[in-house]
Amino acid sequence: MEKIEKPISLDEKAYRNIKDAILKCRLAPGEFLAEVRLAEELGVSKTPIRTALARLTQEGFLEDILYKGHYVARITAEDIIDIYGLRKILECHLVRETTLRFNQSELAAIESIIDLATEAIEKNDIERYILLNREFHHTFDRKYGNSRISDVLSNLDEHVQRIIFYALESEYHDLLTRQRYDHRMILSAIIEKDVETAVMRMDRHISEFCDDLAARLSHSDMAT
């Protein structure tokens, strides 16, 4: 017998739909979200919409401005620096602790992820690239086995996803191309069991991406 799947509530459906639109920047940073319009588009009452907006505000994806309503949170250079700063602390630690733990089949699997990510970029399949990029980085926290770190990284993933989609709107494709090169260099150090080089390359990978993206965003903001 098959298990009976639990039905998804209207609150959850509204939440997932709005969140997906925010993460993929179909709802752009700074955009006002009218409850009535969202309710009409999703075919629900305003109650599930309000519940979803409150949840997304708590997660940092929306701003609830007094007397004005909900707006999609803007992406600022400071946000990028904060998010990637935390990622760097966690992921460099994970690389240091796991570099010597991988066996040959696991290393081959990581290389396959990098190859597939390269294909995704060449095909301009951004959603698939983001999934594969996430898979590469989560290789280390899965190997480490600390569920609390995994939970923190999963939350950061969603903010990073929105940043990447926003970056692509601004034609930052070269940043993603450089990412796949960095991943290969990190893997190369891991294959050689060179812990310090692997950590250094992960640190540089995250730092340079963060600095470049934040600098371009700041320049773009000043230009407008």
N, C-alpha and C. Protein backbone atom coordinates (compact mmCIF):
# COMPACT_ATOMS: atom_id res chain seq x y z
N MET A 1 0.82 -1.19 0.00
CA MET A 1 0.00 0.00 0.00
C MET A 1 0.86 1.25 0.00
N GLU A 2 0.40 2.27 -0.70
CA GLU A 2 1.15 3.52 -0.75
C GLU A 2 0.68 4.47 0.34
N LYS A 3 1.63 5.23 0.85
CA LYS A 3 1.30 6.22 1.87
C LYS A 3 0.42 7.31 1.27
N ILE A 4 -0.52 7.79 2.06
CA ILE A 4 -1.39 8.88 1.62
C ILE A 4 -0.66 10.19 1.86
N GLU A 5 -0.44 10.93 0.80
CA GLU A 5 0.28 12.19 0.92
C GLU A 5 -0.59 13.24 1.59
N LYS A 6 0.03 13.98 2.48
CA LYS A 6 -0.68 15.04 3.19
C LYS A 6 -0.99 16.18 2.23
N PRO A 7 -2.25 16.61 2.17
CA PRO A 7 -2.60 17.71 1.24
C PRO A 7 -1.92 19.01 1.67
N ILE A 8 -1.59 19.82 0.69
CA ILE A 8 -0.96 21.11 0.97
C ILE A 8 -2.04 22.15 1.22
N SER A 9 -1.90 22.88 2.31
CA SER A 9 -2.89 23.89 2.67
C SER A 9 -2.81 25.08 1.72
N LEU A 10 -3.87 25.88 1.68
CA LEU A 10 -3.86 27.09 0.86
C LEU A 10 -2.78 28.06 1.33
N ASP A 11 -2.57 28.11 2.66
CA ASP A 11 -1.51 28.97 3.20
C ASP A 11 -0.16 28.57 2.61
N GLU A 12 0.10 27.27 2.59
CA GLU A 12 1.39 26.77 2.10
C GLU A 12 1.52 26.98 0.59
N LYS A 13 0.43 26.77 -0.14
CA LYS A 13 0.47 26.98 -1.58
C LYS A 13 0.75 28.44 -1.92
N ALA A 14 0.09 29.34 -1.20
CA ALA A 14 0.32 30.77 -1.43
C ALA A 14 1.76 31.13 -1.10
N TYR A 15 2.23 30.63 0.00
CA TYR A 15 3.62 30.89 0.43
C TYR A 15 4.61 30.41 -0.63
N ARG A 16 4.46 29.19 -1.10
CA ARG A 16 5.40 28.62 -2.07
C ARG A 16 5.38 29.39 -3.39
N ASN A 17 4.18 29.75 -3.84
CA ASN A 17 4.07 30.46 -5.12
C ASN A 17 4.71 31.85 -5.05
N ILE A 18 4.42 32.57 -3.99
CA ILE A 18 4.97 33.92 -3.85
C ILE A 18 6.48 33.86 -3.65
N LYS A 19 6.93 32.92 -2.84
CA LYS A 19 8.36 32.78 -2.58
C LYS A 19 9.11 32.43 -3.85
N ASP A 20 8.57 31.51 -4.64
CA ASP A 20 9.21 31.12 -5.89
C ASP A 20 9.36 32.32 -6.82
N ALA A 21 8.34 33.16 -6.89
CA ALA A 21 8.39 34.35 -7.73
C ALA A 21 9.43 35.35 -7.22
N ILE A 22 9.59 35.42 -5.90
CA ILE A 22 10.59 36.32 -5.32
C ILE A 22 12.00 35.79 -5.60
N LEU A 23 12.22 34.49 -5.38
CA LEU A 23 13.55 33.91 -5.56
C LEU A 23 14.02 34.00 -7.01
N LYS A 24 13.07 33.92 -7.95
CA LYS A 24 13.43 33.99 -9.36
C LYS A 24 13.28 35.40 -9.93
N CYS A 25 13.03 36.36 -9.02
CA CYS A 25 12.95 37.78 -9.37
C CYS A 25 11.85 38.10 -10.36
N ARG A 26 10.83 37.22 -10.44
CA ARG A 26 9.63 37.60 -11.20
C ARG A 26 8.90 38.69 -10.42
N LEU A 27 9.03 38.65 -9.10
CA LEU A 27 8.64 39.77 -8.26
C LEU A 27 9.96 40.46 -7.91
N ALA A 28 10.17 41.62 -8.46
CA ALA A 28 11.48 42.28 -8.42
C ALA A 28 11.75 42.93 -7.07
N PRO A 29 13.03 43.05 -6.70
CA PRO A 29 13.38 43.77 -5.48
C PRO A 29 12.79 45.18 -5.48
N GLY A 30 12.13 45.53 -4.37
CA GLY A 30 11.51 46.85 -4.26
C GLY A 30 10.07 46.90 -4.73
N GLU A 31 9.56 45.82 -5.33
CA GLU A 31 8.20 45.82 -5.87
C GLU A 31 7.16 45.75 -4.76
N PHE A 32 6.09 46.53 -4.90
CA PHE A 32 4.99 46.52 -3.94
C PHE A 32 4.10 45.31 -4.20
N LEU A 33 3.70 44.61 -3.13
CA LEU A 33 2.83 43.45 -3.26
C LEU A 33 1.44 43.78 -2.73
N ALA A 34 0.51 43.91 -3.63
CA ALA A 34 -0.87 44.21 -3.25
C ALA A 34 -1.60 42.91 -2.93
N GLU A 35 -2.17 42.83 -1.75
CA GLU A 35 -2.85 41.60 -1.32
C GLU A 35 -3.98 41.21 -2.28
N VAL A 36 -4.75 42.19 -2.71
CA VAL A 36 -5.89 41.91 -3.59
C VAL A 36 -5.42 41.31 -4.91
N ARG A 37 -4.39 41.91 -5.49
CA ARG A 37 -3.87 41.41 -6.78
C ARG A 37 -3.32 39.99 -6.63
N LEU A 38 -2.56 39.74 -5.57
CA LEU A 38 -2.00 38.41 -5.35
C LEU A 38 -3.11 37.38 -5.14
N ALA A 39 -4.14 37.76 -4.39
CA ALA A 39 -5.25 36.85 -4.15
C ALA A 39 -5.96 36.49 -5.45
N GLU A 40 -6.14 37.49 -6.32
CA GLU A 40 -6.80 37.25 -7.60
C GLU A 40 -5.94 36.36 -8.50
N GLU A 41 -4.64 36.63 -8.53
CA GLU A 41 -3.75 35.85 -9.40
C GLU A 41 -3.64 34.40 -8.95
N LEU A 42 -3.65 34.16 -7.63
CA LEU A 42 -3.50 32.80 -7.12
C LEU A 42 -4.84 32.12 -6.88
N GLY A 43 -5.93 32.86 -7.02
CA GLY A 43 -7.26 32.26 -6.87
C GLY A 43 -7.59 31.86 -5.45
N VAL A 44 -7.15 32.66 -4.48
CA VAL A 44 -7.44 32.38 -3.07
C VAL A 44 -7.95 33.66 -2.42
N SER A 45 -8.40 33.54 -1.16
CA SER A 45 -8.81 34.73 -0.42
C SER A 45 -7.57 35.46 0.09
N LYS A 46 -7.79 36.60 0.71
CA LYS A 46 -6.66 37.38 1.22
C LYS A 46 -6.02 36.77 2.46
N THR A 47 -6.75 35.89 3.16
CA THR A 47 -6.22 35.32 4.40
C THR A 47 -4.94 34.50 4.16
N PRO A 48 -4.90 33.55 3.19
CA PRO A 48 -3.65 32.83 2.93
C PRO A 48 -2.53 33.76 2.44
N ILE A 49 -2.91 34.81 1.72
CA ILE A 49 -1.92 35.76 1.23
C ILE A 49 -1.26 36.47 2.41
N ARG A 50 -2.07 36.91 3.36
CA ARG A 50 -1.53 37.61 4.53
C ARG A 50 -0.61 36.71 5.34
N THR A 51 -1.01 35.44 5.48
CA THR A 51 -0.18 34.49 6.22
C THR A 51 1.16 34.28 5.51
N ALA A 52 1.11 34.17 4.19
CA ALA A 52 2.33 33.96 3.40
C ALA A 52 3.24 35.19 3.48
N LEU A 53 2.66 36.37 3.38
CA LEU A 53 3.46 37.59 3.43
C LEU A 53 4.14 37.76 4.79
N ALA A 54 3.43 37.41 5.85
CA ALA A 54 4.02 37.51 7.19
C ALA A 54 5.20 36.55 7.34
N ARG A 55 5.04 35.36 6.80
CA ARG A 55 6.11 34.35 6.87
C ARG A 55 7.33 34.79 6.07
N LEU A 56 7.10 35.32 4.89
CA LEU A 56 8.19 35.76 4.02
C LEU A 56 8.89 36.99 4.59
N THR A 57 8.15 37.81 5.31
CA THR A 57 8.76 38.96 5.99
C THR A 57 9.71 38.48 7.08
N GLN A 58 9.28 37.47 7.83
CA GLN A 58 10.11 36.92 8.89
C GLN A 58 11.39 36.30 8.33
N GLU A 59 11.30 35.74 7.12
CA GLU A 59 12.47 35.11 6.49
C GLU A 59 13.39 36.12 5.82
N GLY A 60 12.97 37.38 5.78
CA GLY A 60 13.83 38.42 5.23
C GLY A 60 13.65 38.69 3.75
N PHE A 61 12.61 38.11 3.14
CA PHE A 61 12.40 38.32 1.71
C PHE A 61 11.47 39.51 1.42
N LEU A 62 10.74 39.97 2.44
CA LEU A 62 9.85 41.11 2.29
C LEU A 62 10.12 42.13 3.37
N GLU A 63 9.72 43.38 3.10
CA GLU A 63 9.75 44.44 4.08
C GLU A 63 8.31 44.90 4.32
N ASP A 64 7.92 44.94 5.57
CA ASP A 64 6.57 45.40 5.93
C ASP A 64 6.70 46.84 6.42
N ILE A 65 6.33 47.77 5.55
CA ILE A 65 6.48 49.19 5.86
C ILE A 65 5.18 49.74 6.42
N LEU A 66 5.26 50.34 7.58
CA LEU A 66 4.08 50.85 8.29
C LEU A 66 3.26 51.78 7.41
N TYR A 67 1.95 51.52 7.36
CA TYR A 67 0.97 52.30 6.61
C TYR A 67 1.11 52.17 5.08
N LYS A 68 2.07 51.40 4.63
CA LYS A 68 2.27 51.26 3.18
C LYS A 68 2.05 49.82 2.70
N GLY A 69 2.48 48.86 3.47
CA GLY A 69 2.30 47.47 3.06
C GLY A 69 3.61 46.75 2.83
N HIS A 70 3.51 45.63 2.10
CA HIS A 70 4.66 44.77 1.89
C HIS A 70 5.37 45.07 0.56
N TYR A 71 6.67 45.11 0.63
CA TYR A 71 7.52 45.30 -0.55
C TYR A 71 8.57 44.19 -0.58
N VAL A 72 8.91 43.74 -1.78
CA VAL A 72 10.00 42.76 -1.90
C VAL A 72 11.29 43.42 -1.42
N ALA A 73 12.02 42.72 -0.56
CA ALA A 73 13.25 43.29 0.00
C ALA A 73 14.25 43.58 -1.12
N ARG A 74 14.85 44.74 -1.04
CA ARG A 74 15.87 45.10 -2.01
C ARG A 74 17.13 44.28 -1.76
N ILE A 75 17.94 44.14 -2.78
CA ILE A 75 19.24 43.47 -2.66
C ILE A 75 20.31 44.54 -2.66
N THR A 76 21.02 44.67 -1.58
CA THR A 76 22.05 45.70 -1.46
C THR A 76 23.44 45.07 -1.38
N ALA A 77 24.44 45.88 -1.60
CA ALA A 77 25.82 45.41 -1.47
C ALA A 77 26.07 44.90 -0.05
N GLU A 78 25.48 45.58 0.93
CA GLU A 78 25.66 45.16 2.33
C GLU A 78 25.05 43.78 2.57
N ASP A 79 23.88 43.51 1.97
CA ASP A 79 23.26 42.19 2.09
C ASP A 79 24.18 41.11 1.55
N ILE A 80 24.74 41.38 0.38
CA ILE A 80 25.61 40.40 -0.26
C ILE A 80 26.84 40.13 0.60
N ILE A 81 27.43 41.17 1.14
CA ILE A 81 28.61 41.02 1.99
C ILE A 81 28.28 40.20 3.23
N ASP A 82 27.13 40.47 3.85
CA ASP A 82 26.72 39.73 5.05
C ASP A 82 26.48 38.25 4.74
N ILE A 83 25.73 37.99 3.68
CA ILE A 83 25.39 36.61 3.32
C ILE A 83 26.63 35.81 2.96
N TYR A 84 27.46 36.37 2.10
CA TYR A 84 28.64 35.64 1.67
C TYR A 84 29.71 35.58 2.76
N GLY A 85 29.70 36.55 3.68
CA GLY A 85 30.62 36.49 4.80
C GLY A 85 30.33 35.30 5.69
N LEU A 86 29.04 35.06 5.95
CA LEU A 86 28.66 33.90 6.75
C LEU A 86 28.94 32.60 6.02
N ARG A 87 28.65 32.59 4.74
CA ARG A 87 28.96 31.39 3.94
C ARG A 87 30.44 31.06 3.99
N LYS A 88 31.28 32.08 3.89
CA LYS A 88 32.72 31.84 3.89
C LYS A 88 33.18 31.21 5.20
N ILE A 89 32.69 31.74 6.32
CA ILE A 89 33.06 31.18 7.62
C ILE A 89 32.68 29.70 7.70
N LEU A 90 31.44 29.39 7.32
CA LEU A 90 30.95 28.01 7.43
C LEU A 90 31.62 27.08 6.43
N GLU A 91 31.71 27.50 5.17
CA GLU A 91 32.17 26.59 4.14
C GLU A 91 33.68 26.35 4.18
N CYS A 92 34.43 27.35 4.59
CA CYS A 92 35.87 27.12 4.74
C CYS A 92 36.13 26.12 5.87
N HIS A 93 35.36 26.22 6.93
CA HIS A 93 35.46 25.25 8.03
C HIS A 93 35.12 23.85 7.52
N LEU A 94 34.04 23.75 6.74
CA LEU A 94 33.63 22.44 6.22
C LEU A 94 34.68 21.83 5.31
N VAL A 95 35.27 22.64 4.44
CA VAL A 95 36.31 22.13 3.55
C VAL A 95 37.52 21.65 4.36
N ARG A 96 37.90 22.43 5.37
CA ARG A 96 39.04 22.04 6.21
C ARG A 96 38.80 20.68 6.89
N GLU A 97 37.57 20.49 7.34
CA GLU A 97 37.25 19.27 8.09
C GLU A 97 36.98 18.05 7.22
N THR A 98 36.65 18.25 5.95
CA THR A 98 36.23 17.11 5.12
C THR A 98 37.18 16.74 3.99
N THR A 99 38.15 17.59 3.67
CA THR A 99 39.01 17.34 2.51
C THR A 99 39.62 15.93 2.52
N LEU A 100 40.05 15.46 3.66
CA LEU A 100 40.71 14.16 3.75
C LEU A 100 39.74 12.99 3.88
N ARG A 101 38.43 13.27 3.90
CA ARG A 101 37.45 12.21 4.12
C ARG A 101 36.87 11.61 2.84
N PHE A 102 37.01 12.30 1.71
CA PHE A 102 36.36 11.84 0.49
C PHE A 102 37.08 10.65 -0.13
N ASN A 103 36.29 9.65 -0.58
CA ASN A 103 36.88 8.53 -1.32
C ASN A 103 36.81 8.81 -2.81
N GLN A 104 37.35 7.92 -3.60
CA GLN A 104 37.46 8.15 -5.05
C GLN A 104 36.10 8.27 -5.73
N SER A 105 35.14 7.47 -5.32
CA SER A 105 33.83 7.54 -5.97
C SER A 105 33.13 8.86 -5.63
N GLU A 106 33.33 9.36 -4.42
CA GLU A 106 32.74 10.64 -4.03
C GLU A 106 33.39 11.79 -4.79
N LEU A 107 34.69 11.71 -4.99
CA LEU A 107 35.39 12.74 -5.77
C LEU A 107 34.91 12.74 -7.22
N ALA A 108 34.69 11.54 -7.76
CA ALA A 108 34.18 11.44 -9.13
C ALA A 108 32.78 12.04 -9.22
N ALA A 109 31.97 11.86 -8.19
CA ALA A 109 30.63 12.42 -8.18
C ALA A 109 30.67 13.94 -8.15
N ILE A 110 31.61 14.50 -7.38
CA ILE A 110 31.75 15.96 -7.33
C ILE A 110 32.16 16.49 -8.70
N GLU A 111 33.08 15.80 -9.35
CA GLU A 111 33.52 16.22 -10.69
C GLU A 111 32.36 16.18 -11.68
N SER A 112 31.51 15.18 -11.55
CA SER A 112 30.34 15.07 -12.42
C SER A 112 29.39 16.25 -12.22
N ILE A 113 29.23 16.68 -10.97
CA ILE A 113 28.38 17.84 -10.67
C ILE A 113 28.94 19.08 -11.37
N ILE A 114 30.26 19.26 -11.31
CA ILE A 114 30.90 20.42 -11.95
C ILE A 114 30.69 20.36 -13.46
N ASP A 115 30.83 19.18 -14.05
CA ASP A 115 30.63 19.02 -15.50
C ASP A 115 29.19 19.38 -15.90
N LEU A 116 28.24 18.89 -15.12
CA LEU A 116 26.84 19.18 -15.42
C LEU A 116 26.53 20.67 -15.26
N ALA A 117 27.15 21.31 -14.27
CA ALA A 117 26.96 22.75 -14.07
C ALA A 117 27.52 23.53 -15.25
N THR A 118 28.64 23.07 -15.79
CA THR A 118 29.23 23.71 -16.96
C THR A 118 28.27 23.62 -18.15
N GLU A 119 27.68 22.45 -18.34
CA GLU A 119 26.71 22.28 -19.42
C GLU A 119 25.50 23.19 -19.23
N ALA A 120 25.06 23.32 -17.99
CA ALA A 120 23.90 24.17 -17.71
C ALA A 120 24.17 25.62 -18.06
N ILE A 121 25.37 26.11 -17.74
CA ILE A 121 25.73 27.49 -18.08
C ILE A 121 25.77 27.66 -19.59
N GLU A 122 26.37 26.69 -20.29
CA GLU A 122 26.47 26.77 -21.75
C GLU A 122 25.10 26.77 -22.42
N LYS A 123 24.12 26.10 -21.79
CA LYS A 123 22.76 26.05 -22.32
C LYS A 123 21.88 27.17 -21.77
N ASN A 124 22.48 28.02 -20.94
CA ASN A 124 21.76 29.12 -20.30
C ASN A 124 20.57 28.62 -19.46
N ASP A 125 20.74 27.42 -18.89
CA ASP A 125 19.73 26.83 -18.02
C ASP A 125 20.06 27.23 -16.58
N ILE A 126 19.63 28.42 -16.21
CA ILE A 126 20.05 28.99 -14.94
C ILE A 126 19.48 28.24 -13.74
N GLU A 127 18.22 27.82 -13.84
CA GLU A 127 17.63 27.10 -12.71
C GLU A 127 18.40 25.82 -12.42
N ARG A 128 18.78 25.11 -13.48
CA ARG A 128 19.55 23.87 -13.28
C ARG A 128 20.94 24.20 -12.74
N TYR A 129 21.54 25.28 -13.24
CA TYR A 129 22.86 25.66 -12.73
C TYR A 129 22.80 25.94 -11.22
N ILE A 130 21.79 26.65 -10.79
CA ILE A 130 21.66 26.99 -9.37
C ILE A 130 21.53 25.73 -8.53
N LEU A 131 20.74 24.76 -9.00
CA LEU A 131 20.59 23.50 -8.27
C LEU A 131 21.93 22.76 -8.18
N LEU A 132 22.68 22.74 -9.28
CA LEU A 132 23.96 22.04 -9.29
C LEU A 132 25.01 22.78 -8.46
N ASN A 133 24.97 24.10 -8.50
CA ASN A 133 25.88 24.89 -7.67
C ASN A 133 25.62 24.60 -6.19
N ARG A 134 24.34 24.52 -5.83
CA ARG A 134 23.95 24.20 -4.46
C ARG A 134 24.43 22.79 -4.10
N GLU A 135 24.29 21.86 -5.05
CA GLU A 135 24.71 20.47 -4.82
C GLU A 135 26.21 20.40 -4.55
N PHE A 136 27.00 21.17 -5.30
CA PHE A 136 28.46 21.19 -5.09
C PHE A 136 28.78 21.65 -3.67
N HIS A 137 28.21 22.76 -3.26
CA HIS A 137 28.55 23.31 -1.95
C HIS A 137 28.02 22.45 -0.80
N HIS A 138 26.88 21.80 -1.01
CA HIS A 138 26.34 20.98 0.07
C HIS A 138 27.04 19.62 0.19
N THR A 139 27.88 19.31 -0.77
CA THR A 139 28.69 18.09 -0.65
C THR A 139 29.49 18.10 0.65
N PHE A 140 29.98 19.27 1.02
CA PHE A 140 30.85 19.37 2.18
C PHE A 140 30.08 19.30 3.50
N ASP A 141 28.91 19.96 3.56
CA ASP A 141 28.19 19.90 4.83
C ASP A 141 27.54 18.53 5.03
N ARG A 142 27.15 17.85 3.94
CA ARG A 142 26.63 16.49 4.09
C ARG A 142 27.72 15.55 4.60
N LYS A 143 28.92 15.73 4.08
CA LYS A 143 30.03 14.89 4.52
C LYS A 143 30.38 15.16 5.97
N TYR A 144 30.27 16.41 6.38
CA TYR A 144 30.60 16.80 7.76
C TYR A 144 29.55 16.28 8.74
N GLY A 145 28.28 16.38 8.35
CA GLY A 145 27.23 15.76 9.15
C GLY A 145 26.72 16.55 10.33
N ASN A 146 26.77 17.89 10.25
CA ASN A 146 26.22 18.72 11.32
C ASN A 146 24.91 19.32 10.82
N SER A 147 23.80 18.86 11.37
CA SER A 147 22.49 19.27 10.86
C SER A 147 22.22 20.75 11.07
N ARG A 148 22.76 21.34 12.13
CA ARG A 148 22.54 22.76 12.38
C ARG A 148 23.22 23.62 11.31
N ILE A 149 24.44 23.24 10.94
CA ILE A 149 25.13 23.95 9.87
C ILE A 149 24.37 23.77 8.56
N SER A 150 23.87 22.57 8.32
CA SER A 150 23.10 22.31 7.09
C SER A 150 21.86 23.19 7.02
N ASP A 151 21.18 23.36 8.15
CA ASP A 151 19.97 24.19 8.18
C ASP A 151 20.30 25.65 7.87
N VAL A 152 21.40 26.15 8.44
CA VAL A 152 21.80 27.54 8.19
C VAL A 152 22.13 27.72 6.71
N LEU A 153 22.88 26.79 6.14
CA LEU A 153 23.27 26.89 4.74
C LEU A 153 22.07 26.79 3.81
N SER A 154 21.10 25.98 4.17
CA SER A 154 19.89 25.86 3.35
C SER A 154 19.13 27.17 3.30
N ASN A 155 19.06 27.87 4.43
CA ASN A 155 18.42 29.19 4.45
C ASN A 155 19.20 30.19 3.60
N LEU A 156 20.52 30.16 3.72
CA LEU A 156 21.35 31.06 2.92
C LEU A 156 21.20 30.77 1.44
N ASP A 157 21.01 29.49 1.10
CA ASP A 157 20.85 29.09 -0.31
C ASP A 157 19.78 29.90 -1.01
N GLU A 158 18.66 30.10 -0.32
CA GLU A 158 17.54 30.79 -0.95
C GLU A 158 17.86 32.25 -1.21
N HIS A 159 18.56 32.87 -0.29
CA HIS A 159 18.97 34.26 -0.51
C HIS A 159 20.00 34.35 -1.62
N VAL A 160 20.91 33.37 -1.67
CA VAL A 160 21.91 33.33 -2.74
C VAL A 160 21.24 33.12 -4.09
N GLN A 161 20.22 32.24 -4.13
CA GLN A 161 19.49 32.00 -5.38
C GLN A 161 18.91 33.31 -5.93
N ARG A 162 18.30 34.09 -5.05
CA ARG A 162 17.71 35.37 -5.48
C ARG A 162 18.79 36.32 -5.99
N ILE A 163 19.93 36.33 -5.32
CA ILE A 163 21.03 37.19 -5.74
C ILE A 163 21.51 36.80 -7.14
N ILE A 164 21.63 35.48 -7.38
CA ILE A 164 22.10 35.01 -8.68
C ILE A 164 21.11 35.38 -9.78
N PHE A 165 19.82 35.16 -9.55
CA PHE A 165 18.83 35.54 -10.55
C PHE A 165 18.86 37.05 -10.81
N TYR A 166 19.02 37.81 -9.75
CA TYR A 166 19.10 39.27 -9.90
C TYR A 166 20.35 39.65 -10.67
N ALA A 167 21.44 38.96 -10.39
CA ALA A 167 22.70 39.23 -11.09
C ALA A 167 22.56 38.96 -12.58
N LEU A 168 21.86 37.91 -12.92
CA LEU A 168 21.70 37.56 -14.33
C LEU A 168 20.85 38.60 -15.06
N GLU A 169 19.93 39.21 -14.34
CA GLU A 169 19.15 40.29 -14.95
C GLU A 169 20.07 41.44 -15.34
N SER A 170 21.18 41.56 -14.62
CA SER A 170 22.13 42.64 -14.89
C SER A 170 23.31 42.17 -15.74
N GLU A 171 23.17 40.99 -16.34
CA GLU A 171 24.17 40.44 -17.27
C GLU A 171 25.54 40.23 -16.59
N TYR A 172 25.50 39.48 -15.50
CA TYR A 172 26.74 39.14 -14.81
C TYR A 172 27.16 37.70 -15.12
N HIS A 173 26.91 37.22 -16.34
CA HIS A 173 27.19 35.84 -16.68
C HIS A 173 28.65 35.46 -16.44
N ASP A 174 29.56 36.41 -16.59
CA ASP A 174 30.98 36.10 -16.42
C ASP A 174 31.28 35.66 -15.00
N LEU A 175 30.50 36.13 -14.02
CA LEU A 175 30.71 35.72 -12.64
C LEU A 175 30.43 34.24 -12.47
N LEU A 176 29.37 33.75 -13.12
CA LEU A 176 29.03 32.34 -13.00
C LEU A 176 30.02 31.47 -13.76
N THR A 177 30.53 31.96 -14.86
CA THR A 177 31.55 31.23 -15.61
C THR A 177 32.79 31.05 -14.76
N ARG A 178 33.14 32.07 -14.01
CA ARG A 178 34.32 31.98 -13.14
C ARG A 178 34.07 31.03 -11.98
N GLN A 179 32.82 30.94 -11.54
CA GLN A 179 32.50 30.02 -10.45
C GLN A 179 32.85 28.59 -10.80
N ARG A 180 32.50 28.16 -12.02
CA ARG A 180 32.76 26.76 -12.38
C ARG A 180 34.26 26.47 -12.41
N TYR A 181 35.07 27.46 -12.81
CA TYR A 181 36.53 27.30 -12.78
C TYR A 181 37.00 27.16 -11.33
N ASP A 182 36.48 27.99 -10.45
CA ASP A 182 36.84 27.91 -9.03
C ASP A 182 36.51 26.55 -8.44
N HIS A 183 35.36 26.01 -8.80
CA HIS A 183 34.95 24.70 -8.28
C HIS A 183 35.96 23.63 -8.69
N ARG A 184 36.42 23.68 -9.92
CA ARG A 184 37.41 22.70 -10.37
C ARG A 184 38.72 22.83 -9.61
N MET A 185 39.11 24.05 -9.32
CA MET A 185 40.36 24.27 -8.59
C MET A 185 40.24 23.78 -7.14
N ILE A 186 39.08 23.98 -6.54
CA ILE A 186 38.85 23.46 -5.18
C ILE A 186 38.91 21.94 -5.18
N LEU A 187 38.23 21.33 -6.15
CA LEU A 187 38.24 19.88 -6.25
C LEU A 187 39.65 19.35 -6.48
N SER A 188 40.42 20.03 -7.31
CA SER A 188 41.80 19.61 -7.58
C SER A 188 42.62 19.53 -6.30
N ALA A 189 42.47 20.52 -5.43
CA ALA A 189 43.20 20.53 -4.15
C ALA A 189 42.72 19.40 -3.25
N ILE A 190 41.42 19.11 -3.28
CA ILE A 190 40.88 18.03 -2.46
C ILE A 190 41.40 16.68 -2.95
N ILE A 191 41.44 16.49 -4.26
CA ILE A 191 41.97 15.24 -4.83
C ILE A 191 43.42 15.03 -4.38
N GLU A 192 44.17 16.12 -4.31
CA GLU A 192 45.58 16.05 -3.90
C GLU A 192 45.73 15.99 -2.38
N LYS A 193 44.60 15.99 -1.65
CA LYS A 193 44.62 15.95 -0.18
C LYS A 193 45.35 17.15 0.43
N ASP A 194 45.31 18.28 -0.28
CA ASP A 194 45.98 19.50 0.18
C ASP A 194 44.94 20.38 0.89
N VAL A 195 44.84 20.18 2.20
CA VAL A 195 43.80 20.83 2.99
C VAL A 195 43.89 22.36 2.92
N GLU A 196 45.10 22.88 3.17
CA GLU A 196 45.26 24.33 3.24
C GLU A 196 44.95 25.01 1.90
N THR A 197 45.37 24.39 0.80
CA THR A 197 45.08 24.96 -0.51
C THR A 197 43.59 24.90 -0.80
N ALA A 198 42.94 23.80 -0.43
CA ALA A 198 41.48 23.67 -0.64
C ALA A 198 40.74 24.76 0.13
N VAL A 199 41.14 24.98 1.39
CA VAL A 199 40.50 26.02 2.20
C VAL A 199 40.76 27.40 1.61
N MET A 200 42.00 27.65 1.20
CA MET A 200 42.36 28.95 0.61
C MET A 200 41.56 29.22 -0.65
N ARG A 201 41.38 28.19 -1.48
CA ARG A 201 40.66 28.37 -2.73
C ARG A 201 39.16 28.58 -2.48
N MET A 202 38.60 27.90 -1.48
CA MET A 202 37.19 28.13 -1.15
C MET A 202 37.01 29.55 -0.62
N ASP A 203 37.93 29.98 0.24
CA ASP A 203 37.88 31.34 0.79
C ASP A 203 37.92 32.37 -0.33
N ARG A 204 38.85 32.19 -1.25
CA ARG A 204 39.00 33.14 -2.36
C ARG A 204 37.79 33.09 -3.30
N HIS A 205 37.29 31.89 -3.54
CA HIS A 205 36.13 31.69 -4.41
C HIS A 205 34.93 32.51 -3.90
N ILE A 206 34.62 32.37 -2.63
CA ILE A 206 33.48 33.07 -2.06
C ILE A 206 33.75 34.57 -1.95
N SER A 207 34.96 34.93 -1.51
CA SER A 207 35.30 36.34 -1.31
C SER A 207 35.27 37.12 -2.61
N GLU A 208 35.87 36.58 -3.66
CA GLU A 208 35.95 37.31 -4.93
C GLU A 208 34.58 37.46 -5.57
N PHE A 209 33.77 36.40 -5.49
CA PHE A 209 32.42 36.49 -6.05
C PHE A 209 31.62 37.56 -5.32
N CYS A 210 31.73 37.53 -4.00
CA CYS A 210 31.02 38.51 -3.16
C CYS A 210 31.48 39.93 -3.47
N ASP A 211 32.79 40.15 -3.49
CA ASP A 211 33.33 41.49 -3.70
C ASP A 211 32.96 42.04 -5.08
N ASP A 212 33.06 41.19 -6.10
CA ASP A 212 32.76 41.62 -7.46
C ASP A 212 31.29 41.95 -7.61
N LEU A 213 30.44 41.08 -7.09
CA LEU A 213 29.01 41.30 -7.20
C LEU A 213 28.57 42.54 -6.43
N ALA A 214 29.10 42.70 -5.21
CA ALA A 214 28.74 43.86 -4.39
C ALA A 214 29.21 45.16 -5.05
N ALA A 215 30.41 45.13 -5.63
CA ALA A 215 30.95 46.33 -6.28
C ALA A 215 30.10 46.70 -7.50
N ARG A 216 29.71 45.72 -8.29
CA ARG A 216 28.90 46.00 -9.48
C ARG A 216 27.52 46.51 -9.09
N LEU A 217 26.97 45.90 -8.03
CA LEU A 217 25.65 46.34 -7.58
C LEU A 217 25.70 47.77 -7.07
N SER A 218 26.75 48.11 -6.32
CA SER A 218 26.89 49.47 -5.82
C SER A 218 27.03 50.46 -6.96
N HIS A 219 27.78 50.08 -7.98
CA HIS A 219 27.96 50.95 -9.14
C HIS A 219 26.65 51.13 -9.88
N SER A 220 25.88 50.03 -10.00
CA SER A 220 24.59 50.09 -10.67
C SER A 220 23.63 50.99 -9.92
N ASP A 221 23.61 50.87 -8.58
CA ASP A 221 22.74 51.69 -7.76
C ASP A 221 23.08 53.16 -7.88
N MET A 222 24.38 53.46 -7.93
CA MET A 222 24.82 54.86 -8.05
C MET A 222 24.45 55.41 -9.42
N ALA A 223 24.46 54.53 -10.43
CA ALA A 223 24.16 54.97 -11.79
C ALA A 223 22.70 55.35 -11.93
N THR A 224 21.84 54.72 -11.10
CA THR A 224 20.42 55.01 -11.20
C THR A 224 20.02 56.10 -10.21
